Amino acid sequence: YQDAWALYDENTIGGAYGNFLVNAVVTLY
């Protein structure tokens, strides 16, 4: 996700990345 964020603007990747971060925190917990 971070690699993709670096290549494109945050509006393109930001939504999907934010959802992933939330899901990752909850799943890891």
Full PDB file with SEQRES, HELIX, SHEET, SSBOND, CRYST1, ORIGX, SCALE, CONECT and MASTER records, all heavy atoms in Angstrom:
SEQRES   1 A   29  TYR GLN ASP ALA TRP ALA LEU TYR ASP GLU ASN THR ILE          
SEQRES   2 A   29  GLY GLY ALA TYR GLY ASN PHE LEU VAL ASN ALA VAL VAL          
SEQRES   3 A   29  THR LEU TYR                                                  
HELIX    1 AA1 GLN A    2  LEU A    7  1                                   6    
HELIX    2 AA2 GLU A   10  LEU A   28  1                                  19    
CRYST1    1.000    1.000    1.000  90.00  90.00  90.00 P 1           1          
ORIGX1      1.000000  0.000000  0.000000        0.00000                         
ORIGX2      0.000000  1.000000  0.000000        0.00000                         
ORIGX3      0.000000  0.000000  1.000000        0.00000                         
SCALE1      1.000000  0.000000  0.000000        0.00000                         
SCALE2      0.000000  1.000000  0.000000        0.00000                         
SCALE3      0.000000  0.000000  1.000000        0.00000                         
ATOM      1  N   TYR A   1       0.837  -1.206   0.000  1.00  0.00           N  
ATOM      2  CA  TYR A   1       0.000   0.000   0.000  1.00  0.00           C  
ATOM      3  C   TYR A   1       0.870   1.255   0.000  1.00  0.00           C  
ATOM      4  O   TYR A   1       0.587   2.221  -0.712  1.00  0.00           O  
ATOM      5  CB  TYR A   1      -0.916   0.012   1.228  1.00  0.00           C  
ATOM      6  CG  TYR A   1      -2.155  -0.821   1.096  1.00  0.00           C  
ATOM      7  CD1 TYR A   1      -2.203  -2.111   1.596  1.00  0.00           C  
ATOM      8  CD2 TYR A   1      -3.299  -0.327   0.469  1.00  0.00           C  
ATOM      9  CE1 TYR A   1      -3.355  -2.890   1.488  1.00  0.00           C  
ATOM     10  CE2 TYR A   1      -4.443  -1.079   0.351  1.00  0.00           C  
ATOM     11  CZ  TYR A   1      -4.468  -2.362   0.861  1.00  0.00           C  
ATOM     12  OH  TYR A   1      -5.608  -3.126   0.747  1.00  0.00           O  
ATOM     13  N   GLN A   2       1.925   1.256   0.802  1.00  0.00           N  
ATOM     14  CA  GLN A   2       2.790   2.434   0.874  1.00  0.00           C  
ATOM     15  C   GLN A   2       3.512   2.678  -0.443  1.00  0.00           C  
ATOM     16  O   GLN A   2       3.690   3.837  -0.848  1.00  0.00           O  
ATOM     17  CB  GLN A   2       3.792   2.268   2.017  1.00  0.00           C  
ATOM     18  CG  GLN A   2       3.153   2.313   3.391  1.00  0.00           C  
ATOM     19  CD  GLN A   2       4.163   2.175   4.515  1.00  0.00           C  
ATOM     20  OE1 GLN A   2       5.153   1.447   4.388  1.00  0.00           O  
ATOM     21  NE2 GLN A   2       3.928   2.866   5.621  1.00  0.00           N  
ATOM     22  N   ASP A   3       3.917   1.611  -1.119  1.00  0.00           N  
ATOM     23  CA  ASP A   3       4.558   1.755  -2.425  1.00  0.00           C  
ATOM     24  C   ASP A   3       3.590   2.389  -3.422  1.00  0.00           C  
ATOM     25  O   ASP A   3       3.975   3.257  -4.216  1.00  0.00           O  
ATOM     26  CB  ASP A   3       5.019   0.392  -2.956  1.00  0.00           C  
ATOM     27  CG  ASP A   3       6.224  -0.145  -2.192  1.00  0.00           C  
ATOM     28  OD1 ASP A   3       6.844   0.624  -1.432  1.00  0.00           O  
ATOM     29  OD2 ASP A   3       6.535  -1.342  -2.361  1.00  0.00           O  
ATOM     30  N   ALA A   4       2.344   1.936  -3.377  1.00  0.00           N  
ATOM     31  CA  ALA A   4       1.339   2.497  -4.285  1.00  0.00           C  
ATOM     32  C   ALA A   4       1.050   3.956  -3.936  1.00  0.00           C  
ATOM     33  O   ALA A   4       0.895   4.804  -4.821  1.00  0.00           O  
ATOM     34  CB  ALA A   4       0.058   1.662  -4.214  1.00  0.00           C  
ATOM     35  N   TRP A   5       1.005   4.266  -2.645  1.00  0.00           N  
ATOM     36  CA  TRP A   5       0.768   5.645  -2.196  1.00  0.00           C  
ATOM     37  C   TRP A   5       1.860   6.566  -2.752  1.00  0.00           C  
ATOM     38  O   TRP A   5       1.590   7.691  -3.168  1.00  0.00           O  
ATOM     39  CB  TRP A   5       0.753   5.684  -0.674  1.00  0.00           C  
ATOM     40  CG  TRP A   5       0.473   7.036  -0.059  1.00  0.00           C  
ATOM     41  CD1 TRP A   5       1.202   8.175  -0.189  1.00  0.00           C  
ATOM     42  CD2 TRP A   5      -0.626   7.362   0.796  1.00  0.00           C  
ATOM     43  NE1 TRP A   5       0.641   9.203   0.538  1.00  0.00           N  
ATOM     44  CE2 TRP A   5      -0.491   8.730   1.156  1.00  0.00           C  
ATOM     45  CE3 TRP A   5      -1.698   6.637   1.316  1.00  0.00           C  
ATOM     46  CZ2 TRP A   5      -1.396   9.380   1.992  1.00  0.00           C  
ATOM     47  CZ3 TRP A   5      -2.589   7.291   2.161  1.00  0.00           C  
ATOM     48  CH2 TRP A   5      -2.444   8.638   2.483  1.00  0.00           C  
ATOM     49  N   ALA A   6       3.106   6.086  -2.763  1.00  0.00           N  
ATOM     50  CA  ALA A   6       4.231   6.895  -3.237  1.00  0.00           C  
ATOM     51  C   ALA A   6       4.143   7.183  -4.735  1.00  0.00           C  
ATOM     52  O   ALA A   6       4.676   8.192  -5.210  1.00  0.00           O  
ATOM     53  CB  ALA A   6       5.545   6.188  -2.919  1.00  0.00           C  
ATOM     54  N   LEU A   7       3.478   6.321  -5.479  1.00  0.00           N  
ATOM     55  CA  LEU A   7       3.392   6.473  -6.935  1.00  0.00           C  
ATOM     56  C   LEU A   7       2.213   7.324  -7.378  1.00  0.00           C  
ATOM     57  O   LEU A   7       2.249   7.931  -8.446  1.00  0.00           O  
ATOM     58  CB  LEU A   7       3.289   5.095  -7.600  1.00  0.00           C  
ATOM     59  CG  LEU A   7       4.567   4.255  -7.617  1.00  0.00           C  
ATOM     60  CD1 LEU A   7       4.257   2.847  -8.093  1.00  0.00           C  
ATOM     61  CD2 LEU A   7       5.620   4.898  -8.517  1.00  0.00           C  
ATOM     62  N   TYR A   8       1.149   7.353  -6.571  1.00  0.00           N  
ATOM     63  CA  TYR A   8      -0.066   8.051  -6.960  1.00  0.00           C  
ATOM     64  C   TYR A   8      -0.444   9.069  -5.886  1.00  0.00           C  
ATOM     65  O   TYR A   8       0.140   9.090  -4.813  1.00  0.00           O  
ATOM     66  CB  TYR A   8      -1.217   7.050  -7.168  1.00  0.00           C  
ATOM     67  CG  TYR A   8      -0.818   5.871  -8.025  1.00  0.00           C  
ATOM     68  CD1 TYR A   8      -0.482   4.646  -7.440  1.00  0.00           C  
ATOM     69  CD2 TYR A   8      -0.723   5.975  -9.409  1.00  0.00           C  
ATOM     70  CE1 TYR A   8      -0.094   3.563  -8.213  1.00  0.00           C  
ATOM     71  CE2 TYR A   8      -0.333   4.899 -10.198  1.00  0.00           C  
ATOM     72  CZ  TYR A   8      -0.023   3.693  -9.586  1.00  0.00           C  
ATOM     73  OH  TYR A   8       0.382   2.628 -10.353  1.00  0.00           O  
ATOM     74  N   ASP A   9      -1.435   9.893  -6.170  1.00  0.00           N  
ATOM     75  CA  ASP A   9      -1.851  10.873  -5.170  1.00  0.00           C  
ATOM     76  C   ASP A   9      -2.662  10.173  -4.079  1.00  0.00           C  
ATOM     77  O   ASP A   9      -3.216   9.085  -4.277  1.00  0.00           O  
ATOM     78  CB  ASP A   9      -2.685  11.990  -5.818  1.00  0.00           C  
ATOM     79  CG  ASP A   9      -3.965  11.450  -6.431  1.00  0.00           C  
ATOM     80  OD1 ASP A   9      -3.910  10.992  -7.598  1.00  0.00           O  
ATOM     81  OD2 ASP A   9      -4.998  11.457  -5.750  1.00  0.00           O  
ATOM     82  N   GLU A  10      -2.737  10.809  -2.925  1.00  0.00           N  
ATOM     83  CA  GLU A  10      -3.367  10.166  -1.773  1.00  0.00           C  
ATOM     84  C   GLU A  10      -4.856   9.924  -1.974  1.00  0.00           C  
ATOM     85  O   GLU A  10      -5.441   9.017  -1.362  1.00  0.00           O  
ATOM     86  CB  GLU A  10      -3.148  10.987  -0.504  1.00  0.00           C  
ATOM     87  CG  GLU A  10      -3.894  12.303  -0.457  1.00  0.00           C  
ATOM     88  CD  GLU A  10      -3.730  12.984   0.892  1.00  0.00           C  
ATOM     89  OE1 GLU A  10      -2.575  13.242   1.295  1.00  0.00           O  
ATOM     90  OE2 GLU A  10      -4.756  13.245   1.549  1.00  0.00           O  
ATOM     91  N   ASN A  11      -5.500  10.707  -2.841  1.00  0.00           N  
ATOM     92  CA  ASN A  11      -6.920  10.493  -3.099  1.00  0.00           C  
ATOM     93  C   ASN A  11      -7.165   9.183  -3.836  1.00  0.00           C  
ATOM     94  O   ASN A  11      -8.263   8.627  -3.780  1.00  0.00           O  
ATOM     95  CB  ASN A  11      -7.494  11.651  -3.920  1.00  0.00           C  
ATOM     96  CG  ASN A  11      -7.540  12.940  -3.125  1.00  0.00           C  
ATOM     97  OD1 ASN A  11      -7.776  12.922  -1.919  1.00  0.00           O  
ATOM     98  ND2 ASN A  11      -7.303  14.062  -3.784  1.00  0.00           N  
ATOM     99  N   THR A  12      -6.149   8.684  -4.516  1.00  0.00           N  
ATOM    100  CA  THR A  12      -6.282   7.434  -5.264  1.00  0.00           C  
ATOM    101  C   THR A  12      -6.138   6.226  -4.353  1.00  0.00           C  
ATOM    102  O   THR A  12      -6.862   5.232  -4.486  1.00  0.00           O  
ATOM    103  CB  THR A  12      -5.224   7.364  -6.379  1.00  0.00           C  
ATOM    104  OG1 THR A  12      -5.383   8.488  -7.247  1.00  0.00           O  
ATOM    105  CG2 THR A  12      -5.356   6.086  -7.198  1.00  0.00           C  
ATOM    106  N   ILE A  13      -5.223   6.291  -3.404  1.00  0.00           N  
ATOM    107  CA  ILE A  13      -4.899   5.147  -2.551  1.00  0.00           C  
ATOM    108  C   ILE A  13      -5.396   5.319  -1.119  1.00  0.00           C  
ATOM    109  O   ILE A  13      -5.638   4.352  -0.406  1.00  0.00           O  
ATOM    110  CB  ILE A  13      -3.369   4.914  -2.527  1.00  0.00           C  
ATOM    111  CG1 ILE A  13      -2.843   4.694  -3.946  1.00  0.00           C  
ATOM    112  CG2 ILE A  13      -3.001   3.729  -1.645  1.00  0.00           C  
ATOM    113  CD1 ILE A  13      -3.414   3.466  -4.627  1.00  0.00           C  
ATOM    114  N   GLY A  14      -5.562   6.578  -0.696  1.00  0.00           N  
ATOM    115  CA  GLY A  14      -5.817   6.864   0.716  1.00  0.00           C  
ATOM    116  C   GLY A  14      -7.005   6.146   1.322  1.00  0.00           C  
ATOM    117  O   GLY A  14      -6.934   5.665   2.455  1.00  0.00           O  
ATOM    118  N   GLY A  15      -8.105   6.073   0.590  1.00  0.00           N  
ATOM    119  CA  GLY A  15      -9.300   5.423   1.129  1.00  0.00           C  
ATOM    120  C   GLY A  15      -9.077   3.944   1.390  1.00  0.00           C  
ATOM    121  O   GLY A  15      -9.386   3.435   2.477  1.00  0.00           O  
ATOM    122  N   ALA A  16      -8.531   3.254   0.388  1.00  0.00           N  
ATOM    123  CA  ALA A  16      -8.283   1.814   0.521  1.00  0.00           C  
ATOM    124  C   ALA A  16      -7.253   1.543   1.609  1.00  0.00           C  
ATOM    125  O   ALA A  16      -7.398   0.580   2.385  1.00  0.00           O  
ATOM    126  CB  ALA A  16      -7.808   1.244  -0.811  1.00  0.00           C  
ATOM    127  N   TYR A  17      -6.227   2.385   1.683  1.00  0.00           N  
ATOM    128  CA  TYR A  17      -5.179   2.178   2.685  1.00  0.00           C  
ATOM    129  C   TYR A  17      -5.724   2.395   4.094  1.00  0.00           C  
ATOM    130  O   TYR A  17      -5.430   1.630   5.020  1.00  0.00           O  
ATOM    131  CB  TYR A  17      -4.010   3.113   2.415  1.00  0.00           C  
ATOM    132  CG  TYR A  17      -2.812   2.894   3.315  1.00  0.00           C  
ATOM    133  CD1 TYR A  17      -2.366   1.613   3.624  1.00  0.00           C  
ATOM    134  CD2 TYR A  17      -2.107   3.975   3.846  1.00  0.00           C  
ATOM    135  CE1 TYR A  17      -1.263   1.402   4.439  1.00  0.00           C  
ATOM    136  CE2 TYR A  17      -0.997   3.779   4.663  1.00  0.00           C  
ATOM    137  CZ  TYR A  17      -0.581   2.493   4.955  1.00  0.00           C  
ATOM    138  OH  TYR A  17       0.512   2.288   5.769  1.00  0.00           O  
ATOM    139  N   GLY A  18      -6.544   3.416   4.254  1.00  0.00           N  
ATOM    140  CA  GLY A  18      -7.144   3.675   5.564  1.00  0.00           C  
ATOM    141  C   GLY A  18      -8.004   2.512   6.031  1.00  0.00           C  
ATOM    142  O   GLY A  18      -7.939   2.105   7.191  1.00  0.00           O  
ATOM    143  N   ASN A  19      -8.793   1.957   5.103  1.00  0.00           N  
ATOM    144  CA  ASN A  19      -9.629   0.803   5.449  1.00  0.00           C  
ATOM    145  C   ASN A  19      -8.772  -0.400   5.826  1.00  0.00           C  
ATOM    146  O   ASN A  19      -9.102  -1.148   6.755  1.00  0.00           O  
ATOM    147  CB  ASN A  19     -10.544   0.444   4.278  1.00  0.00           C  
ATOM    148  CG  ASN A  19     -11.612   1.495   4.036  1.00  0.00           C  
ATOM    149  OD1 ASN A  19     -11.974   2.247   4.942  1.00  0.00           O  
ATOM    150  ND2 ASN A  19     -12.108   1.560   2.822  1.00  0.00           N  
ATOM    151  N   PHE A  20      -7.672  -0.577   5.098  1.00  0.00           N  
ATOM    152  CA  PHE A  20      -6.765  -1.683   5.418  1.00  0.00           C  
ATOM    153  C   PHE A  20      -6.170  -1.511   6.813  1.00  0.00           C  
ATOM    154  O   PHE A  20      -6.091  -2.472   7.589  1.00  0.00           O  
ATOM    155  CB  PHE A  20      -5.642  -1.774   4.393  1.00  0.00           C  
ATOM    156  CG  PHE A  20      -4.457  -2.572   4.873  1.00  0.00           C  
ATOM    157  CD1 PHE A  20      -4.531  -3.956   4.981  1.00  0.00           C  
ATOM    158  CD2 PHE A  20      -3.283  -1.935   5.264  1.00  0.00           C  
ATOM    159  CE1 PHE A  20      -3.450  -4.688   5.466  1.00  0.00           C  
ATOM    160  CE2 PHE A  20      -2.201  -2.660   5.740  1.00  0.00           C  
ATOM    161  CZ  PHE A  20      -2.286  -4.048   5.844  1.00  0.00           C  
ATOM    162  N   LEU A  21      -5.723  -0.300   7.141  1.00  0.00           N  
ATOM    163  CA  LEU A  21      -5.118  -0.054   8.449  1.00  0.00           C  
ATOM    164  C   LEU A  21      -6.100  -0.366   9.577  1.00  0.00           C  
ATOM    165  O   LEU A  21      -5.736  -0.994  10.576  1.00  0.00           O  
ATOM    166  CB  LEU A  21      -4.636   1.394   8.545  1.00  0.00           C  
ATOM    167  CG  LEU A  21      -3.423   1.771   7.687  1.00  0.00           C  
ATOM    168  CD1 LEU A  21      -3.165   3.276   7.761  1.00  0.00           C  
ATOM    169  CD2 LEU A  21      -2.177   1.003   8.122  1.00  0.00           C  
ATOM    170  N   VAL A  22      -7.346   0.068   9.414  1.00  0.00           N  
ATOM    171  CA  VAL A  22      -8.362  -0.212  10.426  1.00  0.00           C  
ATOM    172  C   VAL A  22      -8.556  -1.716  10.576  1.00  0.00           C  
ATOM    173  O   VAL A  22      -8.543  -2.263  11.688  1.00  0.00           O  
ATOM    174  CB  VAL A  22      -9.705   0.453  10.061  1.00  0.00           C  
ATOM    175  CG1 VAL A  22     -10.818  -0.041  10.990  1.00  0.00           C  
ATOM    176  CG2 VAL A  22      -9.589   1.968  10.145  1.00  0.00           C  
ATOM    177  N   ASN A  23      -8.724  -2.389   9.448  1.00  0.00           N  
ATOM    178  CA  ASN A  23      -8.950  -3.832   9.478  1.00  0.00           C  
ATOM    179  C   ASN A  23      -7.746  -4.563  10.071  1.00  0.00           C  
ATOM    180  O   ASN A  23      -7.893  -5.545  10.822  1.00  0.00           O  
ATOM    181  CB  ASN A  23      -9.224  -4.343   8.062  1.00  0.00           C  
ATOM    182  CG  ASN A  23      -9.597  -5.803   8.041  1.00  0.00           C  
ATOM    183  OD1 ASN A  23     -10.529  -6.234   8.706  1.00  0.00           O  
ATOM    184  ND2 ASN A  23      -8.858  -6.587   7.270  1.00  0.00           N  
ATOM    185  N   ALA A  24      -6.545  -4.087   9.738  1.00  0.00           N  
ATOM    186  CA  ALA A  24      -5.331  -4.721  10.247  1.00  0.00           C  
ATOM    187  C   ALA A  24      -5.246  -4.596  11.761  1.00  0.00           C  
ATOM    188  O   ALA A  24      -4.910  -5.567  12.466  1.00  0.00           O  
ATOM    189  CB  ALA A  24      -4.103  -4.095   9.599  1.00  0.00           C  
ATOM    190  N   VAL A  25      -5.532  -3.416  12.290  1.00  0.00           N  
ATOM    191  CA  VAL A  25      -5.479  -3.212  13.740  1.00  0.00           C  
ATOM    192  C   VAL A  25      -6.462  -4.152  14.440  1.00  0.00           C  
ATOM    193  O   VAL A  25      -6.113  -4.828  15.410  1.00  0.00           O  
ATOM    194  CB  VAL A  25      -5.792  -1.747  14.103  1.00  0.00           C  
ATOM    195  CG1 VAL A  25      -5.932  -1.594  15.623  1.00  0.00           C  
ATOM    196  CG2 VAL A  25      -4.699  -0.819  13.591  1.00  0.00           C  
ATOM    197  N   VAL A  26      -7.691  -4.208  13.936  1.00  0.00           N  
ATOM    198  CA  VAL A  26      -8.717  -5.030  14.565  1.00  0.00           C  
ATOM    199  C   VAL A  26      -8.363  -6.513  14.467  1.00  0.00           C  
ATOM    200  O   VAL A  26      -8.490  -7.266  15.435  1.00  0.00           O  
ATOM    201  CB  VAL A  26     -10.101  -4.758  13.934  1.00  0.00           C  
ATOM    202  CG1 VAL A  26     -11.143  -5.739  14.474  1.00  0.00           C  
ATOM    203  CG2 VAL A  26     -10.537  -3.326  14.216  1.00  0.00           C  
ATOM    204  N   THR A  27      -7.890  -6.950  13.296  1.00  0.00           N  
ATOM    205  CA  THR A  27      -7.544  -8.360  13.103  1.00  0.00           C  
ATOM    206  C   THR A  27      -6.373  -8.766  13.984  1.00  0.00           C  
ATOM    207  O   THR A  27      -6.402  -9.821  14.635  1.00  0.00           O  
ATOM    208  CB  THR A  27      -7.202  -8.634  11.626  1.00  0.00           C  
ATOM    209  OG1 THR A  27      -8.349  -8.341  10.812  1.00  0.00           O  
ATOM    210  CG2 THR A  27      -6.803 -10.088  11.410  1.00  0.00           C  
ATOM    211  N   LEU A  28      -5.337  -7.947  14.016  1.00  0.00           N  
ATOM    212  CA  LEU A  28      -4.186  -8.245  14.864  1.00  0.00           C  
ATOM    213  C   LEU A  28      -4.597  -8.311  16.335  1.00  0.00           C  
ATOM    214  O   LEU A  28      -4.149  -9.177  17.083  1.00  0.00           O  
ATOM    215  CB  LEU A  28      -3.097  -7.194  14.661  1.00  0.00           C  
ATOM    216  CG  LEU A  28      -2.364  -7.244  13.313  1.00  0.00           C  
ATOM    217  CD1 LEU A  28      -1.585  -5.951  13.074  1.00  0.00           C  
ATOM    218  CD2 LEU A  28      -1.416  -8.442  13.250  1.00  0.00           C  
ATOM    219  N   TYR A  29      -5.452  -7.402  16.739  1.00  0.00           N  
ATOM    220  CA  TYR A  29      -5.940  -7.371  18.120  1.00  0.00           C  
ATOM    221  C   TYR A  29      -6.699  -8.650  18.443  1.00  0.00           C  
ATOM    222  O   TYR A  29      -6.476  -9.280  19.483  1.00  0.00           O  
ATOM    223  CB  TYR A  29      -6.846  -6.152  18.302  1.00  0.00           C  
ATOM    224  CG  TYR A  29      -7.324  -5.899  19.720  1.00  0.00           C  
ATOM    225  CD1 TYR A  29      -6.664  -5.001  20.542  1.00  0.00           C  
ATOM    226  CD2 TYR A  29      -8.459  -6.535  20.218  1.00  0.00           C  
ATOM    227  CE1 TYR A  29      -7.101  -4.745  21.840  1.00  0.00           C  
ATOM    228  CE2 TYR A  29      -8.907  -6.296  21.509  1.00  0.00           C  
ATOM    229  CZ  TYR A  29      -8.226  -5.403  22.310  1.00  0.00           C  
ATOM    230  OH  TYR A  29      -8.671  -5.151  23.589  1.00  0.00           O  
TER     231      TYR A  29                                                      
MASTER        0    0    0    2    0    0    0    6  230    1    0    3          
END                                                                             
